[in-house]
C-alpha atoms as a PDB file:
ATOM      1  CA  MET A   1       9.571   8.337  -3.794  1.00  0.00           C
ATOM      2  CA  SER A   2       9.344   7.606  -7.549  1.00  0.00           C
ATOM      3  CA  GLN A   3      12.594   6.352  -9.709  1.00  0.00           C
ATOM      4  CA  PRO A   4      12.663   9.163 -11.825  1.00  0.00           C
ATOM      5  CA  LEU A   5      12.816  11.836  -9.067  1.00  0.00           C
ATOM      6  CA  LEU A   6      15.365   9.528  -7.460  1.00  0.00           C
ATOM      7  CA  SER A   7      17.384  10.005 -10.668  1.00  0.00           C
ATOM      8  CA  VAL A   8      17.392  13.622 -10.561  1.00  0.00           C
ATOM      9  CA  ILE A   9      18.221  13.890  -6.921  1.00  0.00           C
ATOM     10  CA  ALA A  10      21.121  11.563  -7.489  1.00  0.00           C
ATOM     11  CA  GLU A  11      22.502  13.616 -10.181  1.00  0.00           C
ATOM     12  CA  GLU A  12      22.127  17.017  -7.955  1.00  0.00           C
ATOM     13  CA  MET A  13      23.944  15.546  -5.083  1.00  0.00           C
ATOM     14  CA  PRO A  14      25.599  12.314  -4.130  1.00  0.00           C
ATOM     15  CA  LEU A  15      23.396  10.165  -2.128  1.00  0.00           C
ATOM     16  CA  ASP A  16      24.900   8.470   1.162  1.00  0.00           C
ATOM     17  CA  ALA A  17      23.081   5.086   2.139  1.00  0.00           C
ATOM     18  CA  VAL A  18      23.491   6.134   5.698  1.00  0.00           C
ATOM     19  CA  ASP A  19      21.811   9.316   5.014  1.00  0.00           C
ATOM     20  CA  ILE A  20      18.940   7.615   3.323  1.00  0.00           C
ATOM     21  CA  VAL A  21      18.419   5.209   5.986  1.00  0.00           C
ATOM     22  CA  ARG A  22      18.436   8.016   8.738  1.00  0.00           C
ATOM     23  CA  ASP A  23      15.783   9.838   6.519  1.00  0.00           C
ATOM     24  CA  ILE A  24      13.566   6.799   6.195  1.00  0.00           C
ATOM     25  CA  LEU A  25      14.134   6.000  10.220  1.00  0.00           C
ATOM     26  CA  ARG A  26      13.051   9.707  10.948  1.00  0.00           C
ATOM     27  CA  ASP A  27      10.063   9.402   8.661  1.00  0.00           C
ATOM     28  CA  VAL A  28       8.625   6.044  10.096  1.00  0.00           C
ATOM     29  CA  GLU A  29       9.588   7.245  13.738  1.00  0.00           C
ATOM     30  CA  SER A  30      10.747   3.999  15.272  1.00  0.00           C
ATOM     31  CA  LEU A  31      13.298   1.149  14.216  1.00  0.00           C
ATOM     32  CA  PRO A  32      10.760  -1.606  15.018  1.00  0.00           C
ATOM     33  CA  ARG A  33       8.275   0.242  12.408  1.00  0.00           C
ATOM     34  CA  LEU A  34      11.276   0.237   9.683  1.00  0.00           C
ATOM     35  CA  MET A  35      11.758  -3.602  10.498  1.00  0.00           C
ATOM     36  CA  GLU A  36       7.907  -3.981   9.954  1.00  0.00           C
ATOM     37  CA  LEU A  37       8.144  -2.229   6.667  1.00  0.00           C
ATOM     38  CA  HIS A  38      11.142  -4.075   5.290  1.00  0.00           C
ATOM     39  CA  TYR A  39       9.658  -7.573   6.152  1.00  0.00           C
ATOM     40  CA  LEU A  40       6.249  -6.359   4.676  1.00  0.00           C
ATOM     41  CA  MET A  41       7.889  -5.541   1.427  1.00  0.00           C
ATOM     42  CA  GLN A  42       9.328  -9.154   1.159  1.00  0.00           C
ATOM     43  CA  GLU A  43       5.527 -10.364   0.583  1.00  0.00           C
ATOM     44  CA  PRO A  44       5.197 -11.257  -3.254  1.00  0.00           C
ATOM     45  CA  GLY A  45       3.223  -8.961  -5.072  1.00  0.00           C
ATOM     46  CA  LEU A  46       2.803  -6.361  -2.288  1.00  0.00           C
ATOM     47  CA  VAL A  47       5.202  -3.653  -3.860  1.00  0.00           C
ATOM     48  CA  GLU A  48       2.997  -3.896  -7.164  1.00  0.00           C
ATOM     49  CA  LEU A  49      -0.252  -3.780  -4.996  1.00  0.00           C
ATOM     50  CA  ILE A  50       0.923  -0.711  -3.169  1.00  0.00           C
ATOM     51  CA  ARG A  51       1.920   0.993  -6.388  1.00  0.00           C
ATOM     52  CA  GLY A  52      -1.537   0.291  -7.977  1.00  0.00           C
ATOM     53  CA  LEU A  53      -3.273   1.620  -4.864  1.00  0.00           C
ATOM     54  CA  GLY A  54      -0.945   4.774  -4.943  1.00  0.00           C
ATOM     55  CA  ALA A  55      -2.096   5.461  -8.370  1.00  0.00           C
ATOM     56  CA  LEU A  56      -5.785   5.638  -7.267  1.00  0.00           C
ATOM     57  CA  PRO A  57      -7.552   9.107  -7.526  1.00  0.00           C
ATOM     58  CA  GLU A  58      -7.458  10.834  -3.990  1.00  0.00           C
ATOM     59  CA  GLY A  59     -11.094  10.455  -3.416  1.00  0.00           C
ATOM     60  CA  ASP A  60     -11.049   6.397  -4.145  1.00  0.00           C
ATOM     61  CA  ARG A  61      -7.918   6.208  -1.892  1.00  0.00           C
ATOM     62  CA  ARG A  62      -9.944   8.006   1.018  1.00  0.00           C
ATOM     63  CA  ARG A  63     -12.974   5.719   0.444  1.00  0.00           C
ATOM     64  CA  LEU A  64     -10.600   2.538   0.372  1.00  0.00           C
ATOM     65  CA  SER A  65      -8.798   3.856   3.789  1.00  0.00           C
ATOM     66  CA  ALA A  66     -11.980   4.431   5.250  1.00  0.00           C
ATOM     67  CA  TYR A  67     -13.183   0.800   4.318  1.00  0.00           C
ATOM     68  CA  LEU A  68     -10.144  -0.867   5.661  1.00  0.00           C
ATOM     69  CA  ALA A  69     -10.009   1.249   8.857  1.00  0.00           C
ATOM     70  CA  ARG A  70     -13.564  -0.095   9.296  1.00  0.00           C
ATOM     71  CA  HIS A  71     -13.105  -3.781   8.550  1.00  0.00           C
ATOM     72  CA  CYS A  72      -9.287  -4.563   8.651  1.00  0.00           C
ATOM     73  CA  PRO A  73      -9.697  -6.352  12.113  1.00  0.00           C
ATOM     74  CA  GLY A  74     -12.239  -8.561  10.738  1.00  0.00           C
ATOM     75  CA  GLY A  75     -10.213  -9.626   7.936  1.00  0.00           C
ATOM     76  CA  LEU A  76     -10.756  -9.257   4.104  1.00  0.00           C
ATOM     77  CA  ARG A  77     -11.085 -11.297   1.137  1.00  0.00           C
ATOM     78  CA  VAL A  78     -11.099 -10.719  -2.885  1.00  0.00           C
ATOM     79  CA  ARG A  79     -13.779 -12.364  -4.933  1.00  0.00           C
ATOM     80  CA  GLN A  80     -13.667 -12.115  -8.559  1.00  0.00           C
ATOM     81  CA  LEU A  81     -17.029 -11.978 -10.539  1.00  0.00           C
ATOM     82  CA  PRO A  82     -17.496 -13.794 -13.794  1.00  0.00           C
ATOM     83  CA  SER A  83     -17.359 -10.375 -15.440  1.00  0.00           C
ATOM     84  CA  GLY A  84     -13.637 -10.315 -14.122  1.00  0.00           C
ATOM     85  CA  ALA A  85     -14.353  -7.506 -11.796  1.00  0.00           C
ATOM     86  CA  LEU A  86     -12.901  -8.112  -8.180  1.00  0.00           C
ATOM     87  CA  ILE A  87     -14.843  -7.539  -5.148  1.00  0.00           C
ATOM     88  CA  LEU A  88     -13.258  -6.435  -1.816  1.00  0.00           C
ATOM     89  CA  GLU A  89     -15.267  -7.927   1.322  1.00  0.00           C
ATOM     90  CA  ALA A  90     -14.998  -8.015   5.070  1.00  0.00           C
ATOM     91  CA  MET A  91     -14.992 -11.347   6.157  1.00  0.00           C
ATOM     92  CA  HIS A  92     -18.026 -10.998   8.466  1.00  0.00           C
ATOM     93  CA  GLU A  93     -20.342  -9.283   6.295  1.00  0.00           C
ATOM     94  CA  THR A  94     -23.034 -10.991   4.140  1.00  0.00           C
ATOM     95  CA  ARG A  95     -22.179 -11.284   0.365  1.00  0.00           C
ATOM     96  CA  LEU A  96     -22.766  -8.369  -2.127  1.00  0.00           C
ATOM     97  CA  ASP A  97     -25.812  -8.902  -4.323  1.00  0.00           C
ATOM     98  CA  GLU A  98     -24.170  -9.483  -7.735  1.00  0.00           C
ATOM     99  CA  SER A  99     -27.270  -8.788  -9.812  1.00  0.00           C
ATOM    100  CA  ALA A 100     -27.339  -5.306  -9.173  1.00  0.00           C
END
C-alpha cells in the first residue's frame, strides 16, 4: 500500500495495529511466510529495489517475472556495461554478446 493512500485511510478511520497485522497475515496466508517477508525486508536496499520493480510497466514486470521463474534456482548476477546499463544474467548461461 502506498504511503499517501495509507494517510487517507488513517484519516477516515483509526487504524489498529492488531487489525493491520491480521490483514497482512491473512494475505500472506501463514505465519512462516509473514516472518520470511519480515526478514527479507531487513536486507539493505531490498525495499528500494522492490519499489523500482513495482514501478515497471506491466509488460516488463511480466517478462521479468517469467525470466526469474526460469532462472532463479540457478542463481543470478548483475553486470554493468561501460555505458552504465545493467544486465541481469542467469549464472549458468553464457554471456550476452555486448557488441549488439
